N, C-alpha and C. Protein backbone atom coordinates (compact mmCIF):
# COMPACT_ATOMS: atom_id res chain seq x y z
N MET A 1 63.74 31.66 99.85
CA MET A 1 62.47 31.84 100.53
C MET A 1 61.63 30.57 100.47
N ARG A 2 61.70 29.86 99.38
CA ARG A 2 60.93 28.62 99.23
C ARG A 2 61.38 27.58 100.25
N PHE A 3 62.71 27.53 100.53
CA PHE A 3 63.21 26.58 101.51
C PHE A 3 62.63 26.86 102.89
N LEU A 4 62.52 28.13 103.24
CA LEU A 4 61.97 28.47 104.56
C LEU A 4 60.52 28.02 104.68
N LYS A 5 59.78 28.13 103.58
CA LYS A 5 58.38 27.69 103.59
C LYS A 5 58.30 26.17 103.78
N ILE A 6 59.20 25.43 103.13
CA ILE A 6 59.21 23.97 103.27
C ILE A 6 59.56 23.58 104.70
N PHE A 7 60.52 24.29 105.31
CA PHE A 7 60.87 24.00 106.71
C PHE A 7 59.68 24.27 107.63
N ALA A 8 58.98 25.38 107.41
CA ALA A 8 57.81 25.70 108.23
C ALA A 8 56.71 24.66 108.04
N GLN A 9 56.51 24.20 106.81
CA GLN A 9 55.52 23.17 106.55
C GLN A 9 55.90 21.86 107.22
N GLY A 10 57.20 21.56 107.25
CA GLY A 10 57.68 20.36 107.93
C GLY A 10 57.43 20.43 109.43
N GLN A 11 57.66 21.60 110.01
CA GLN A 11 57.39 21.76 111.45
C GLN A 11 55.90 21.63 111.73
N HIS A 12 55.08 22.21 110.87
CA HIS A 12 53.62 22.12 111.04
C HIS A 12 53.15 20.67 110.92
N TYR A 13 53.66 19.97 109.92
CA TYR A 13 53.31 18.56 109.71
C TYR A 13 53.74 17.71 110.90
N ALA A 14 54.93 17.97 111.42
CA ALA A 14 55.41 17.22 112.59
C ALA A 14 54.54 17.50 113.81
N ALA A 15 54.08 18.74 113.95
CA ALA A 15 53.22 19.08 115.09
C ALA A 15 51.86 18.39 114.99
N LEU A 16 51.37 18.20 113.78
CA LEU A 16 50.07 17.56 113.59
C LEU A 16 50.14 16.04 113.67
N TRP A 17 51.32 15.46 113.48
CA TRP A 17 51.45 14.01 113.39
C TRP A 17 51.01 13.36 114.70
N PRO A 18 49.98 12.49 114.65
CA PRO A 18 49.51 11.85 115.88
C PRO A 18 50.44 10.73 116.33
N ARG A 19 50.58 10.59 117.62
CA ARG A 19 51.36 9.47 118.17
C ARG A 19 50.35 8.37 118.50
N HIS A 20 50.12 7.51 117.53
CA HIS A 20 49.11 6.47 117.68
C HIS A 20 49.60 5.20 116.98
N ALA A 21 49.24 4.05 117.53
CA ALA A 21 49.69 2.77 116.98
C ALA A 21 49.13 2.49 115.60
N ILE A 22 48.03 3.12 115.24
CA ILE A 22 47.39 2.83 113.96
C ILE A 22 48.28 3.25 112.78
N ILE A 23 49.19 4.17 112.98
CA ILE A 23 50.06 4.65 111.90
C ILE A 23 51.53 4.38 112.19
N ALA A 24 51.81 3.44 113.05
CA ALA A 24 53.20 3.16 113.44
C ALA A 24 54.04 2.62 112.29
N ALA A 25 53.44 2.09 111.25
CA ALA A 25 54.21 1.53 110.14
C ALA A 25 54.72 2.59 109.17
N LEU A 26 54.19 3.79 109.23
CA LEU A 26 54.65 4.85 108.33
C LEU A 26 55.99 5.41 108.80
N PRO A 27 56.84 5.86 107.89
CA PRO A 27 58.16 6.37 108.28
C PRO A 27 58.10 7.57 109.23
N GLU A 28 57.04 8.36 109.14
CA GLU A 28 56.92 9.53 110.01
C GLU A 28 56.89 9.15 111.49
N ALA A 29 56.45 7.94 111.78
CA ALA A 29 56.37 7.49 113.18
C ALA A 29 57.76 7.47 113.82
N THR A 30 58.81 7.30 113.04
CA THR A 30 60.17 7.37 113.58
C THR A 30 60.85 8.69 113.27
N VAL A 31 60.51 9.30 112.13
CA VAL A 31 61.17 10.54 111.74
C VAL A 31 60.75 11.70 112.64
N VAL A 32 59.48 11.82 112.95
CA VAL A 32 58.99 12.94 113.77
C VAL A 32 59.65 12.95 115.15
N PRO A 33 59.69 11.83 115.89
CA PRO A 33 60.39 11.87 117.19
C PRO A 33 61.89 12.12 117.04
N ALA A 34 62.50 11.59 115.97
CA ALA A 34 63.93 11.82 115.77
C ALA A 34 64.22 13.30 115.50
N VAL A 35 63.37 13.95 114.72
CA VAL A 35 63.56 15.37 114.44
C VAL A 35 63.32 16.20 115.71
N ALA A 36 62.34 15.81 116.49
CA ALA A 36 62.10 16.52 117.76
C ALA A 36 63.30 16.39 118.69
N PHE A 37 63.87 15.19 118.76
CA PHE A 37 65.06 14.97 119.57
C PHE A 37 66.23 15.81 119.04
N ALA A 38 66.42 15.78 117.73
CA ALA A 38 67.53 16.52 117.12
C ALA A 38 67.39 18.02 117.33
N SER A 39 66.18 18.54 117.19
CA SER A 39 65.99 19.99 117.36
C SER A 39 66.24 20.43 118.80
N ARG A 40 66.04 19.51 119.72
CA ARG A 40 66.26 19.86 121.12
C ARG A 40 67.73 19.73 121.53
N TRP A 41 68.39 18.66 121.07
CA TRP A 41 69.72 18.35 121.59
C TRP A 41 70.88 18.66 120.66
N MET A 42 70.68 18.78 119.38
CA MET A 42 71.80 18.98 118.47
C MET A 42 72.54 20.30 118.66
N PRO A 43 71.89 21.42 119.00
CA PRO A 43 72.68 22.63 119.25
C PRO A 43 73.69 22.44 120.39
N ALA A 44 73.26 21.81 121.47
CA ALA A 44 74.19 21.57 122.58
C ALA A 44 75.28 20.59 122.18
N LEU A 45 74.92 19.55 121.43
CA LEU A 45 75.92 18.59 120.97
C LEU A 45 76.91 19.22 120.00
N ALA A 46 76.44 20.15 119.18
CA ALA A 46 77.34 20.83 118.24
C ALA A 46 78.37 21.67 118.99
N VAL A 47 77.94 22.39 120.01
CA VAL A 47 78.87 23.18 120.82
C VAL A 47 79.84 22.27 121.56
N LEU A 48 79.33 21.22 122.16
CA LEU A 48 80.19 20.26 122.87
C LEU A 48 81.19 19.61 121.91
N ASN A 49 80.73 19.25 120.71
CA ASN A 49 81.61 18.68 119.70
C ASN A 49 82.76 19.63 119.37
N PHE A 50 82.42 20.91 119.16
CA PHE A 50 83.46 21.88 118.84
C PHE A 50 84.46 22.03 119.98
N LEU A 51 83.94 22.16 121.20
CA LEU A 51 84.83 22.36 122.34
C LEU A 51 85.73 21.16 122.59
N VAL A 52 85.20 19.96 122.47
CA VAL A 52 86.02 18.76 122.68
C VAL A 52 87.10 18.65 121.61
N GLN A 53 86.72 18.86 120.36
CA GLN A 53 87.71 18.77 119.30
C GLN A 53 88.79 19.85 119.45
N PHE A 54 88.38 21.05 119.80
CA PHE A 54 89.35 22.13 119.98
C PHE A 54 90.28 21.83 121.16
N HIS A 55 89.72 21.33 122.24
CA HIS A 55 90.52 21.03 123.43
C HIS A 55 91.53 19.92 123.16
N TRP A 56 91.10 18.83 122.53
CA TRP A 56 91.96 17.67 122.35
C TRP A 56 92.86 17.76 121.13
N GLN A 57 92.44 18.46 120.09
CA GLN A 57 93.23 18.48 118.86
C GLN A 57 93.87 19.82 118.56
N GLY A 58 93.50 20.85 119.28
CA GLY A 58 94.14 22.15 119.12
C GLY A 58 93.58 22.97 117.97
N ALA A 59 94.21 24.12 117.77
CA ALA A 59 93.74 25.10 116.79
C ALA A 59 93.89 24.61 115.36
N ALA A 60 94.75 23.66 115.13
CA ALA A 60 94.96 23.16 113.77
C ALA A 60 93.73 22.46 113.22
N MET A 61 92.88 21.95 114.09
CA MET A 61 91.70 21.19 113.66
C MET A 61 90.40 22.00 113.75
N VAL A 62 90.50 23.31 113.90
CA VAL A 62 89.30 24.14 114.01
C VAL A 62 88.40 24.02 112.77
N PRO A 63 88.93 24.03 111.55
CA PRO A 63 88.02 23.90 110.40
C PRO A 63 87.20 22.60 110.43
N GLN A 64 87.84 21.48 110.79
CA GLN A 64 87.10 20.23 110.86
C GLN A 64 86.07 20.26 111.99
N ALA A 65 86.42 20.89 113.10
CA ALA A 65 85.49 21.00 114.22
C ALA A 65 84.28 21.84 113.83
N ILE A 66 84.50 22.90 113.08
CA ILE A 66 83.40 23.75 112.62
C ILE A 66 82.50 22.98 111.66
N ILE A 67 83.10 22.26 110.73
CA ILE A 67 82.31 21.51 109.75
C ILE A 67 81.46 20.44 110.43
N THR A 68 82.04 19.69 111.35
CA THR A 68 81.25 18.64 112.01
C THR A 68 80.17 19.24 112.89
N SER A 69 80.44 20.38 113.51
CA SER A 69 79.42 21.05 114.32
C SER A 69 78.29 21.57 113.44
N LEU A 70 78.63 22.12 112.28
CA LEU A 70 77.59 22.58 111.35
C LEU A 70 76.74 21.42 110.85
N PHE A 71 77.38 20.27 110.63
CA PHE A 71 76.61 19.09 110.22
C PHE A 71 75.61 18.71 111.31
N LEU A 72 76.06 18.71 112.56
CA LEU A 72 75.14 18.38 113.65
C LEU A 72 73.99 19.37 113.73
N LEU A 73 74.29 20.65 113.50
CA LEU A 73 73.24 21.67 113.53
C LEU A 73 72.25 21.51 112.38
N SER A 74 72.70 20.92 111.27
CA SER A 74 71.82 20.79 110.10
C SER A 74 70.88 19.60 110.21
N MET A 75 71.09 18.71 111.14
CA MET A 75 70.26 17.50 111.20
C MET A 75 68.77 17.78 111.39
N PRO A 76 68.36 18.66 112.31
CA PRO A 76 66.91 18.93 112.39
C PRO A 76 66.38 19.60 111.12
N LEU A 77 67.20 20.43 110.48
CA LEU A 77 66.76 21.07 109.24
C LEU A 77 66.51 20.05 108.15
N GLN A 78 67.36 19.03 108.09
CA GLN A 78 67.16 17.96 107.11
C GLN A 78 65.84 17.24 107.36
N GLY A 79 65.53 16.98 108.62
CA GLY A 79 64.28 16.31 108.96
C GLY A 79 63.07 17.15 108.64
N TRP A 80 63.12 18.45 108.98
CA TRP A 80 61.98 19.33 108.68
C TRP A 80 61.80 19.49 107.17
N TYR A 81 62.90 19.51 106.43
CA TYR A 81 62.79 19.61 104.98
C TYR A 81 62.10 18.36 104.41
N TRP A 82 62.53 17.18 104.87
CA TRP A 82 61.91 15.94 104.39
C TRP A 82 60.43 15.91 104.75
N LEU A 83 60.11 16.30 105.98
CA LEU A 83 58.70 16.30 106.40
C LEU A 83 57.89 17.31 105.60
N GLY A 84 58.47 18.47 105.30
CA GLY A 84 57.76 19.47 104.51
C GLY A 84 57.47 18.99 103.10
N LYS A 85 58.43 18.30 102.49
CA LYS A 85 58.21 17.75 101.15
C LYS A 85 57.20 16.60 101.20
N ARG A 86 57.31 15.78 102.23
CA ARG A 86 56.44 14.61 102.36
C ARG A 86 54.99 15.04 102.60
N ALA A 87 54.78 16.11 103.36
CA ALA A 87 53.43 16.55 103.70
C ALA A 87 52.60 16.85 102.46
N HIS A 88 53.24 17.33 101.41
CA HIS A 88 52.49 17.72 100.22
C HIS A 88 52.66 16.74 99.05
N SER A 89 53.21 15.56 99.34
CA SER A 89 53.29 14.55 98.29
C SER A 89 52.01 13.72 98.30
N GLN A 90 51.71 13.18 97.14
CA GLN A 90 50.46 12.44 96.98
C GLN A 90 50.54 11.07 97.66
N LEU A 91 49.42 10.65 98.20
CA LEU A 91 49.35 9.35 98.87
C LEU A 91 49.42 8.21 97.86
N PRO A 92 50.04 7.10 98.25
CA PRO A 92 49.98 5.91 97.39
C PRO A 92 48.54 5.36 97.40
N PRO A 93 48.20 4.53 96.43
CA PRO A 93 46.80 4.07 96.30
C PRO A 93 46.22 3.45 97.57
N ARG A 94 46.98 2.64 98.29
CA ARG A 94 46.45 1.99 99.49
C ARG A 94 46.10 3.01 100.58
N LEU A 95 47.00 3.96 100.80
CA LEU A 95 46.71 4.99 101.79
C LEU A 95 45.62 5.94 101.32
N GLN A 96 45.56 6.18 100.02
CA GLN A 96 44.51 7.03 99.47
C GLN A 96 43.13 6.41 99.72
N GLN A 97 43.04 5.09 99.57
CA GLN A 97 41.78 4.40 99.84
C GLN A 97 41.38 4.54 101.31
N TRP A 98 42.37 4.40 102.20
CA TRP A 98 42.10 4.55 103.63
C TRP A 98 41.67 5.98 103.95
N TYR A 99 42.33 6.96 103.32
CA TYR A 99 41.96 8.36 103.49
C TYR A 99 40.51 8.58 103.06
N LEU A 100 40.13 8.05 101.91
CA LEU A 100 38.76 8.23 101.43
C LEU A 100 37.75 7.56 102.35
N GLU A 101 38.10 6.40 102.92
CA GLU A 101 37.21 5.74 103.88
C GLU A 101 37.04 6.59 105.14
N LEU A 102 38.15 7.15 105.64
CA LEU A 102 38.06 8.01 106.83
C LEU A 102 37.20 9.24 106.57
N ILE A 103 37.40 9.86 105.42
CA ILE A 103 36.63 11.05 105.07
C ILE A 103 35.15 10.72 104.98
N ALA A 104 34.84 9.57 104.40
CA ALA A 104 33.44 9.16 104.28
C ALA A 104 32.82 8.92 105.66
N LYS A 105 33.57 8.28 106.56
CA LYS A 105 33.05 8.04 107.92
C LYS A 105 32.85 9.33 108.69
N LEU A 106 33.69 10.32 108.40
CA LEU A 106 33.58 11.61 109.09
C LEU A 106 32.56 12.52 108.44
N GLY A 107 32.09 12.17 107.23
CA GLY A 107 31.11 13.00 106.53
C GLY A 107 31.72 14.27 105.97
N LEU A 108 32.99 14.23 105.60
CA LEU A 108 33.67 15.41 105.06
C LEU A 108 33.86 15.27 103.56
N GLN A 109 34.16 16.38 102.91
CA GLN A 109 34.50 16.36 101.50
C GLN A 109 36.00 16.11 101.35
N PRO A 110 36.40 15.20 100.47
CA PRO A 110 37.83 14.95 100.28
C PRO A 110 38.53 16.13 99.62
N GLN A 111 39.81 16.28 99.91
CA GLN A 111 40.63 17.31 99.26
C GLN A 111 40.78 16.95 97.79
N GLN A 112 41.14 17.93 96.97
CA GLN A 112 41.35 17.65 95.55
C GLN A 112 42.47 16.64 95.36
N GLN A 113 43.57 16.83 96.09
CA GLN A 113 44.66 15.87 96.06
C GLN A 113 44.78 15.25 97.44
N ALA A 114 44.83 13.96 97.48
CA ALA A 114 45.00 13.26 98.75
C ALA A 114 46.48 13.26 99.09
N THR A 115 46.88 14.14 100.01
CA THR A 115 48.27 14.25 100.42
C THR A 115 48.42 13.70 101.84
N TYR A 116 49.67 13.55 102.26
CA TYR A 116 49.92 13.07 103.61
C TYR A 116 49.39 14.07 104.64
N LEU A 117 49.47 15.36 104.34
CA LEU A 117 48.93 16.36 105.26
C LEU A 117 47.42 16.22 105.40
N ALA A 118 46.72 16.00 104.30
CA ALA A 118 45.27 15.80 104.35
C ALA A 118 44.94 14.54 105.14
N LEU A 119 45.74 13.49 104.97
CA LEU A 119 45.53 12.26 105.73
C LEU A 119 45.69 12.50 107.22
N VAL A 120 46.72 13.25 107.61
CA VAL A 120 46.96 13.51 109.03
C VAL A 120 45.84 14.34 109.63
N VAL A 121 45.37 15.32 108.90
CA VAL A 121 44.25 16.15 109.40
C VAL A 121 43.01 15.27 109.59
N ALA A 122 42.70 14.43 108.61
CA ALA A 122 41.54 13.54 108.72
C ALA A 122 41.74 12.52 109.83
N LEU A 123 42.94 12.01 109.96
CA LEU A 123 43.21 11.01 111.00
C LEU A 123 43.08 11.61 112.40
N ASN A 124 43.58 12.82 112.59
CA ASN A 124 43.43 13.48 113.89
C ASN A 124 41.95 13.67 114.24
N LYS A 125 41.18 14.08 113.25
CA LYS A 125 39.74 14.26 113.47
C LYS A 125 39.08 12.92 113.77
N ALA A 126 39.47 11.87 113.06
CA ALA A 126 38.90 10.54 113.29
C ALA A 126 39.27 10.02 114.68
N LEU A 127 40.50 10.24 115.11
CA LEU A 127 40.92 9.78 116.44
C LEU A 127 40.16 10.50 117.54
N ARG A 128 39.78 11.75 117.29
CA ARG A 128 39.01 12.50 118.29
C ARG A 128 37.53 12.12 118.30
N GLU A 129 36.95 11.86 117.12
CA GLU A 129 35.51 11.76 117.02
C GLU A 129 34.97 10.33 116.84
N LEU A 130 35.71 9.47 116.19
CA LEU A 130 35.18 8.12 115.91
C LEU A 130 35.57 7.14 117.00
N PRO A 131 34.73 6.11 117.22
CA PRO A 131 35.12 5.06 118.13
C PRO A 131 36.33 4.29 117.57
N PRO A 132 37.15 3.70 118.42
CA PRO A 132 38.39 3.05 117.97
C PRO A 132 38.21 1.99 116.87
N GLU A 133 37.11 1.28 116.87
CA GLU A 133 36.95 0.22 115.86
C GLU A 133 36.66 0.78 114.46
N GLN A 134 36.41 2.07 114.33
CA GLN A 134 36.10 2.66 113.03
C GLN A 134 37.28 3.40 112.40
N HIS A 135 38.45 3.38 112.99
CA HIS A 135 39.60 4.10 112.45
C HIS A 135 40.06 3.42 111.23
C-alpha cells in the first residue's frame, strides 16, 4: 500500500512541475517529460516488443519476450516512484535558501520542512503572481 501512495505522490509532483527555464538545471526538468513519454508510449511498445519477438523467434522465446515487455511496462512506474520519493526529500541548502526567498516575496509562511514539493508549490505561485525579475 505504501508503494501505491509513493506512485500517486510521484504523479502529483509531476503534474505540478512547471515547464520553465528557471528550473531547467534540476533533474526533474528531464525526468518529468521522460516519464510522461513513457507512460504514454511504453504499453504500446511492450505489446509490439512481445509480438515482434514471438513472430521472429517463435514460442521458445516467449519467457524472454514477456520479461522484456514487463520491463518496458515498468519504466513509467520507476519514474513515478523516483518522483514520489524526491517530492518529499529535503532541499539542499542552496535550494532551501531560494525557497525561503520565494516564500518571503510571496508573503507566505514556510513549511516546517523545505521539500521539493513545497518548492514546486511556491514556484508555481511565484510564476503566476510575481514579475519575472523577482523569481
